[in-house]
Every structure is written in C-alpha cells, then in structure tokens.
Amino acid sequence: MTVVAGASAAMTAGASAAESGAILPAMACDALTKLDLTHLDARIASGETVTRDGHAFCDVKGSISPVTQFEALLPTSSWRGDYLQQGCGGLCGKADVSLDDPSRTSGYRAPYAPLKNGEMVVAADDQGHEAPNNGDALRARDDLRLRAVFGYSSEHQLTRTMRAVIRAFCGRKAAFSYFSGVSDGGHEA
C-alpha cells in the first residue's frame, strides 16, 4: 500500500481523535459557507480553520435576520458531542466567544475544562446590534422589531441556527446543549 506522507499524518491524527472518543467533522470548514440556512433566515459569511489555546476549530461567523451577528467555534479534532451557548453582559453588542469564561462576559473567569480543552461547540451572538461597549441602551428605542430581537428572539434564533450548523458540520446533533450567562445573560436564558 502506498501512502502519501500528508495523508498518513491525517489518517494518524484521525485515528488518534477517534481512539480518544472525539467526534470528527463530516464536512470541511469552508464548505459551511454554502450551507443553506434560508429556512432559518440565517447565513454563514465565513468558515475558517483557526487554532485557539492549542486546539483546532472551525471559526464560523454569520448573521440571522434581521440584524443579529454570531460567532461559533466548532472543534475539528476534539469535540465530545456537547454544545455551549454563551450569553452577554450589560446590553451586549458583541458577537465573540470565550474559551476562558463559560458565560463569556462575567469578569469572574471560572475555568471549565471541557470548554478550555476544545471539547464543546461554543457560540454567541450580539443580540441584534454591534456596539463599542455594552451600555448602548438607546439604540432600539424607536424600532419595536429591534427591541423584540434584543429582548426575546436572538438567543432562540441562534440555538436553532446552531442546531443546523452542528448537524451539518459534525454529522449529528449535539448530545447535550447548555447555556451560560450572567447579568443580561440571565435575561437571555
């Protein structure tokens, strides 16, 4: 049997991940940009492989109609089957995830090994607006629809979107789904 060196290394990495109980992706990261999420009024703008804290992830950025932006990190070789959705603090306004703080914005970083070890899919959204800080209370004062996104729908829409993304990328649904948030994150929950 002839094996190309790169293919051999990939097969060895795949075998190591499988032996450790990790669930490997069912599709390429960049292929997620072609995933049809129109039934969820969502779209993926980018999907690129990145390394964070020594673990490889598919870093996905996208949007959910009308104005919600989101980011997700999907492990490429260390996923154990669970999903964590992170809430915001204050009035939100930022769509970034944290591997250090399960609730993303608590300021009281409590280590959580499955998150830090790249064993979970993790996602977060901006609750319908981008802002330089989390204190922009007046941005939706004249727009009932944006207030509804902030107050009621953004987290549910992200959950539905991530279910579809996880199923496509990982080839199966998450075994367990969790939500962590403080302050406004409590409201989101």
C-alpha atoms as a PDB file:
ATOM      1  CA  MET A   1       0.000   0.000   0.000  1.00  0.00           C
ATOM      2  CA  THR A   2       1.374   3.398  -0.966  1.00  0.00           C
ATOM      3  CA  VAL A   3       0.580   6.223   1.437  1.00  0.00           C
ATOM      4  CA  VAL A   4       1.396   9.864   0.858  1.00  0.00           C
ATOM      5  CA  ALA A   5       3.131  11.431   3.891  1.00  0.00           C
ATOM      6  CA  GLY A   6       0.424  14.113   4.372  1.00  0.00           C
ATOM      7  CA  ALA A   7      -2.371  11.582   4.066  1.00  0.00           C
ATOM      8  CA  SER A   8      -0.616   9.303   6.533  1.00  0.00           C
ATOM      9  CA  ALA A   9      -0.335  12.122   9.068  1.00  0.00           C
ATOM     10  CA  ALA A  10      -4.013  12.996   8.605  1.00  0.00           C
ATOM     11  CA  MET A  11      -5.031   9.348   8.997  1.00  0.00           C
ATOM     12  CA  THR A  12      -2.930   9.076  12.165  1.00  0.00           C
ATOM     13  CA  ALA A  13      -4.485  12.264  13.585  1.00  0.00           C
ATOM     14  CA  GLY A  14      -7.965  10.979  12.708  1.00  0.00           C
ATOM     15  CA  ALA A  15      -7.233   7.612  14.302  1.00  0.00           C
ATOM     16  CA  SER A  16      -5.916   9.333  17.460  1.00  0.00           C
ATOM     17  CA  ALA A  17      -9.031  11.507  17.697  1.00  0.00           C
ATOM     18  CA  ALA A  18     -11.324   8.529  17.167  1.00  0.00           C
ATOM     19  CA  GLU A  19      -9.448   6.484  19.768  1.00  0.00           C
ATOM     20  CA  SER A  20      -9.866   9.312  22.299  1.00  0.00           C
ATOM     21  CA  GLY A  21     -13.636   9.400  21.737  1.00  0.00           C
ATOM     22  CA  ALA A  22     -13.624  12.641  19.760  1.00  0.00           C
ATOM     23  CA  ILE A  23     -16.232  13.134  17.043  1.00  0.00           C
ATOM     24  CA  LEU A  24     -14.667  14.248  13.783  1.00  0.00           C
ATOM     25  CA  PRO A  25     -16.247  16.678  11.287  1.00  0.00           C
ATOM     26  CA  ALA A  26     -18.416  15.350   8.489  1.00  0.00           C
ATOM     27  CA  MET A  27     -17.541  18.231   6.155  1.00  0.00           C
ATOM     28  CA  ALA A  28     -14.852  20.830   5.518  1.00  0.00           C
ATOM     29  CA  CYS A  29     -14.971  24.056   7.496  1.00  0.00           C
ATOM     30  CA  ASP A  30     -15.018  26.353   4.474  1.00  0.00           C
ATOM     31  CA  ALA A  31     -17.908  24.348   2.979  1.00  0.00           C
ATOM     32  CA  LEU A  32     -20.174  25.718   5.723  1.00  0.00           C
ATOM     33  CA  THR A  33     -20.451  28.978   3.771  1.00  0.00           C
ATOM     34  CA  LYS A  34     -22.550  27.025   1.247  1.00  0.00           C
ATOM     35  CA  LEU A  35     -24.891  25.599   3.904  1.00  0.00           C
ATOM     36  CA  ASP A  36     -28.488  26.566   3.081  1.00  0.00           C
ATOM     37  CA  LEU A  37     -29.991  28.152   6.192  1.00  0.00           C
ATOM     38  CA  THR A  38     -32.679  30.189   4.407  1.00  0.00           C
ATOM     39  CA  HIS A  39     -35.426  28.368   6.318  1.00  0.00           C
ATOM     40  CA  LEU A  40     -33.905  29.914   9.482  1.00  0.00           C
ATOM     41  CA  ASP A  41     -33.350  33.362   7.919  1.00  0.00           C
ATOM     42  CA  ALA A  42     -29.649  32.827   8.594  1.00  0.00           C
ATOM     43  CA  ARG A  43     -26.450  32.660   6.581  1.00  0.00           C
ATOM     44  CA  ILE A  44     -22.831  31.840   7.218  1.00  0.00           C
ATOM     45  CA  ALA A  45     -20.459  34.518   5.962  1.00  0.00           C
ATOM     46  CA  SER A  46     -17.179  32.740   6.724  1.00  0.00           C
ATOM     47  CA  GLY A  47     -15.770  29.482   7.974  1.00  0.00           C
ATOM     48  CA  GLU A  48     -12.041  29.158   8.526  1.00  0.00           C
ATOM     49  CA  THR A  49      -9.843  26.804  10.495  1.00  0.00           C
ATOM     50  CA  VAL A  50      -8.099  28.525  13.414  1.00  0.00           C
ATOM     51  CA  THR A  51      -6.107  27.473  16.473  1.00  0.00           C
ATOM     52  CA  ARG A  52      -7.107  28.741  19.892  1.00  0.00           C
ATOM     53  CA  ASP A  53      -5.484  27.605  23.114  1.00  0.00           C
ATOM     54  CA  GLY A  54      -3.708  24.851  21.193  1.00  0.00           C
ATOM     55  CA  HIS A  55      -6.895  23.348  19.720  1.00  0.00           C
ATOM     56  CA  ALA A  56      -8.130  23.472  16.118  1.00  0.00           C
ATOM     57  CA  PHE A  57     -11.564  24.946  15.471  1.00  0.00           C
ATOM     58  CA  CYS A  58     -13.748  25.878  12.557  1.00  0.00           C
ATOM     59  CA  ASP A  59     -14.411  29.558  13.305  1.00  0.00           C
ATOM     60  CA  VAL A  60     -17.802  30.397  11.823  1.00  0.00           C
ATOM     61  CA  LYS A  61     -19.210  33.894  11.530  1.00  0.00           C
ATOM     62  CA  GLY A  62     -22.656  34.646  10.251  1.00  0.00           C
ATOM     63  CA  SER A  63     -25.892  36.551  10.559  1.00  0.00           C
ATOM     64  CA  ILE A  64     -29.504  35.901  11.412  1.00  0.00           C
ATOM     65  CA  SER A  65     -32.238  38.156  10.028  1.00  0.00           C
ATOM     66  CA  PRO A  66     -32.922  40.925  10.671  1.00  0.00           C
ATOM     67  CA  VAL A  67     -29.655  42.099  12.299  1.00  0.00           C
ATOM     68  CA  THR A  68     -28.106  39.506  14.638  1.00  0.00           C
ATOM     69  CA  GLN A  69     -24.428  38.622  14.148  1.00  0.00           C
ATOM     70  CA  PHE A  70     -22.969  35.428  15.608  1.00  0.00           C
ATOM     71  CA  GLU A  71     -19.704  33.544  16.003  1.00  0.00           C
ATOM     72  CA  ALA A  72     -19.190  29.847  16.676  1.00  0.00           C
ATOM     73  CA  LEU A  73     -16.157  27.658  17.291  1.00  0.00           C
ATOM     74  CA  LEU A  74     -16.600  24.049  16.190  1.00  0.00           C
ATOM     75  CA  PRO A  75     -13.752  21.714  17.251  1.00  0.00           C
ATOM     76  CA  THR A  76     -12.144  19.876  14.345  1.00  0.00           C
ATOM     77  CA  SER A  77     -10.499  17.040  16.281  1.00  0.00           C
ATOM     78  CA  SER A  78     -11.591  17.202  19.920  1.00  0.00           C
ATOM     79  CA  TRP A  79     -15.423  17.511  20.010  1.00  0.00           C
ATOM     80  CA  ARG A  80     -17.107  15.262  22.578  1.00  0.00           C
ATOM     81  CA  GLY A  81     -20.685  15.943  21.483  1.00  0.00           C
ATOM     82  CA  ASP A  82     -21.867  18.917  23.570  1.00  0.00           C
ATOM     83  CA  TYR A  83     -22.877  22.497  22.714  1.00  0.00           C
ATOM     84  CA  LEU A  84     -22.477  25.622  24.867  1.00  0.00           C
ATOM     85  CA  GLN A  85     -24.236  28.870  24.003  1.00  0.00           C
ATOM     86  CA  GLN A  86     -22.787  31.892  25.779  1.00  0.00           C
ATOM     87  CA  GLY A  87     -24.803  34.887  26.916  1.00  0.00           C
ATOM     88  CA  CYS A  88     -23.803  38.541  27.132  1.00  0.00           C
ATOM     89  CA  GLY A  89     -23.373  41.084  29.862  1.00  0.00           C
ATOM     90  CA  GLY A  90     -24.812  44.578  30.075  1.00  0.00           C
ATOM     91  CA  LEU A  91     -26.662  45.352  26.861  1.00  0.00           C
ATOM     92  CA  CYS A  92     -24.443  43.095  24.758  1.00  0.00           C
ATOM     93  CA  GLY A  93     -23.381  44.414  21.354  1.00  0.00           C
ATOM     94  CA  LYS A  94     -20.581  41.973  20.584  1.00  0.00           C
ATOM     95  CA  ALA A  95     -20.547  38.572  18.882  1.00  0.00           C
ATOM     96  CA  ASP A  96     -17.450  36.822  20.150  1.00  0.00           C
ATOM     97  CA  VAL A  97     -16.925  33.613  22.088  1.00  0.00           C
ATOM     98  CA  SER A  98     -14.645  32.875  25.008  1.00  0.00           C
ATOM     99  CA  LEU A  99     -12.794  29.675  25.829  1.00  0.00           C
ATOM    100  CA  ASP A 100     -11.776  31.084  29.226  1.00  0.00           C
ATOM    101  CA  ASP A 101     -15.140  32.069  30.685  1.00  0.00           C
ATOM    102  CA  PRO A 102     -18.202  29.857  30.095  1.00  0.00           C
ATOM    103  CA  SER A 103     -20.506  32.882  30.412  1.00  0.00           C
ATOM    104  CA  ARG A 104     -18.238  34.978  28.166  1.00  0.00           C
ATOM    105  CA  THR A 105     -18.611  38.311  29.961  1.00  0.00           C
ATOM    106  CA  SER A 106     -18.752  37.590  33.687  1.00  0.00           C
ATOM    107  CA  GLY A 107     -15.382  39.029  34.634  1.00  0.00           C
ATOM    108  CA  TYR A 108     -15.153  36.151  37.110  1.00  0.00           C
ATOM    109  CA  ARG A 109     -13.418  33.633  34.925  1.00  0.00           C
ATOM    110  CA  ALA A 110     -14.005  30.204  36.343  1.00  0.00           C
ATOM    111  CA  PRO A 111     -12.155  27.565  34.344  1.00  0.00           C
ATOM    112  CA  TYR A 112     -14.306  24.923  32.717  1.00  0.00           C
ATOM    113  CA  ALA A 113     -12.147  22.091  31.381  1.00  0.00           C
ATOM    114  CA  PRO A 114     -14.429  20.845  28.548  1.00  0.00           C
ATOM    115  CA  LEU A 115     -14.543  24.368  27.103  1.00  0.00           C
ATOM    116  CA  LYS A 116     -10.839  25.074  27.624  1.00  0.00           C
ATOM    117  CA  ASN A 117      -9.884  21.679  26.148  1.00  0.00           C
ATOM    118  CA  GLY A 118     -11.826  22.297  22.935  1.00  0.00           C
ATOM    119  CA  GLU A 119     -14.366  19.560  23.651  1.00  0.00           C
ATOM    120  CA  MET A 120     -17.505  21.667  23.047  1.00  0.00           C
ATOM    121  CA  VAL A 121     -19.016  23.592  20.190  1.00  0.00           C
ATOM    122  CA  VAL A 122     -19.430  27.125  21.542  1.00  0.00           C
ATOM    123  CA  ALA A 123     -21.400  30.033  20.056  1.00  0.00           C
ATOM    124  CA  ALA A 124     -22.520  33.547  20.944  1.00  0.00           C
ATOM    125  CA  ASP A 125     -24.340  36.438  19.315  1.00  0.00           C
ATOM    126  CA  ASP A 126     -24.605  40.214  19.649  1.00  0.00           C
ATOM    127  CA  GLN A 127     -28.353  40.265  20.464  1.00  0.00           C
ATOM    128  CA  GLY A 128     -29.042  42.207  17.303  1.00  0.00           C
ATOM    129  CA  HIS A 129     -26.502  45.026  17.430  1.00  0.00           C
ATOM    130  CA  GLU A 130     -22.805  45.816  17.320  1.00  0.00           C
ATOM    131  CA  ALA A 131     -21.703  48.445  19.825  1.00  0.00           C
ATOM    132  CA  PRO A 132     -18.349  49.747  21.088  1.00  0.00           C
ATOM    133  CA  ASN A 133     -19.446  48.940  24.653  1.00  0.00           C
ATOM    134  CA  ASN A 134     -22.282  47.075  26.303  1.00  0.00           C
ATOM    135  CA  GLY A 135     -24.083  50.165  27.595  1.00  0.00           C
ATOM    136  CA  ASP A 136     -25.937  51.330  24.477  1.00  0.00           C
ATOM    137  CA  ALA A 137     -29.475  51.411  25.877  1.00  0.00           C
ATOM    138  CA  LEU A 138     -30.997  53.752  23.319  1.00  0.00           C
ATOM    139  CA  ARG A 139     -30.133  52.049  20.037  1.00  0.00           C
ATOM    140  CA  ALA A 140     -33.562  50.430  19.513  1.00  0.00           C
ATOM    141  CA  ARG A 141     -35.776  52.980  21.237  1.00  0.00           C
ATOM    142  CA  ASP A 142     -37.665  53.767  18.030  1.00  0.00           C
ATOM    143  CA  ASP A 143     -37.701  50.280  16.497  1.00  0.00           C
ATOM    144  CA  LEU A 144     -40.025  47.718  18.048  1.00  0.00           C
ATOM    145  CA  ARG A 145     -38.615  44.941  15.853  1.00  0.00           C
ATOM    146  CA  LEU A 146     -35.047  45.503  17.122  1.00  0.00           C
ATOM    147  CA  ARG A 147     -36.298  45.598  20.703  1.00  0.00           C
ATOM    148  CA  ALA A 148     -38.001  42.235  20.126  1.00  0.00           C
ATOM    149  CA  VAL A 149     -34.749  40.763  18.749  1.00  0.00           C
ATOM    150  CA  PHE A 150     -32.851  42.002  21.804  1.00  0.00           C
ATOM    151  CA  GLY A 151     -35.496  41.067  24.344  1.00  0.00           C
ATOM    152  CA  TYR A 152     -36.885  37.828  23.003  1.00  0.00           C
ATOM    153  CA  SER A 153     -35.727  36.228  19.782  1.00  0.00           C
ATOM    154  CA  SER A 154     -31.939  36.425  19.275  1.00  0.00           C
ATOM    155  CA  GLU A 155     -30.989  33.530  21.540  1.00  0.00           C
ATOM    156  CA  HIS A 156     -33.719  31.235  20.257  1.00  0.00           C
ATOM    157  CA  GLN A 157     -32.722  32.021  16.670  1.00  0.00           C
ATOM    158  CA  LEU A 158     -29.065  31.301  17.451  1.00  0.00           C
ATOM    159  CA  THR A 159     -29.975  27.982  19.073  1.00  0.00           C
ATOM    160  CA  ARG A 160     -31.968  26.914  16.014  1.00  0.00           C
ATOM    161  CA  THR A 161     -29.193  28.029  13.662  1.00  0.00           C
ATOM    162  CA  MET A 162     -26.501  26.229  15.633  1.00  0.00           C
ATOM    163  CA  ARG A 163     -28.515  23.009  15.674  1.00  0.00           C
ATOM    164  CA  ALA A 164     -28.437  23.054  11.867  1.00  0.00           C
ATOM    165  CA  VAL A 165     -24.743  24.026  11.718  1.00  0.00           C
ATOM    166  CA  ILE A 166     -23.711  21.320  14.197  1.00  0.00           C
ATOM    167  CA  ARG A 167     -25.728  18.659  12.371  1.00  0.00           C
ATOM    168  CA  ALA A 168     -24.144  19.621   9.041  1.00  0.00           C
ATOM    169  CA  PHE A 169     -20.558  20.054  10.227  1.00  0.00           C
ATOM    170  CA  CYS A 170     -20.427  17.228  12.769  1.00  0.00           C
ATOM    171  CA  GLY A 171     -22.814  14.826  11.065  1.00  0.00           C
ATOM    172  CA  ARG A 172     -25.015  14.535  14.133  1.00  0.00           C
ATOM    173  CA  LYS A 173     -26.840  16.654  16.673  1.00  0.00           C
ATOM    174  CA  ALA A 174     -25.320  17.684  19.987  1.00  0.00           C
ATOM    175  CA  ALA A 175     -25.828  15.169  22.796  1.00  0.00           C
ATOM    176  CA  PHE A 176     -26.394  17.945  25.351  1.00  0.00           C
ATOM    177  CA  SER A 177     -26.879  21.699  24.988  1.00  0.00           C
ATOM    178  CA  TYR A 178     -26.009  24.231  27.678  1.00  0.00           C
ATOM    179  CA  PHE A 179     -26.392  27.962  28.180  1.00  0.00           C
ATOM    180  CA  SER A 180     -24.187  30.092  30.415  1.00  0.00           C
ATOM    181  CA  GLY A 181     -24.684  33.762  31.108  1.00  0.00           C
ATOM    182  CA  VAL A 182     -24.641  36.387  33.830  1.00  0.00           C
ATOM    183  CA  SER A 183     -26.302  39.791  34.046  1.00  0.00           C
ATOM    184  CA  ASP A 184     -28.029  40.149  30.666  1.00  0.00           C
ATOM    185  CA  GLY A 185     -27.090  36.502  30.110  1.00  0.00           C
ATOM    186  CA  GLY A 186     -29.574  35.623  32.843  1.00  0.00           C
ATOM    187  CA  HIS A 187     -32.236  37.517  30.938  1.00  0.00           C
ATOM    188  CA  GLU A 188     -31.233  35.673  27.755  1.00  0.00           C
ATOM    189  CA  ALA A 189     -31.538  32.300  29.462  1.00  0.00           C
END
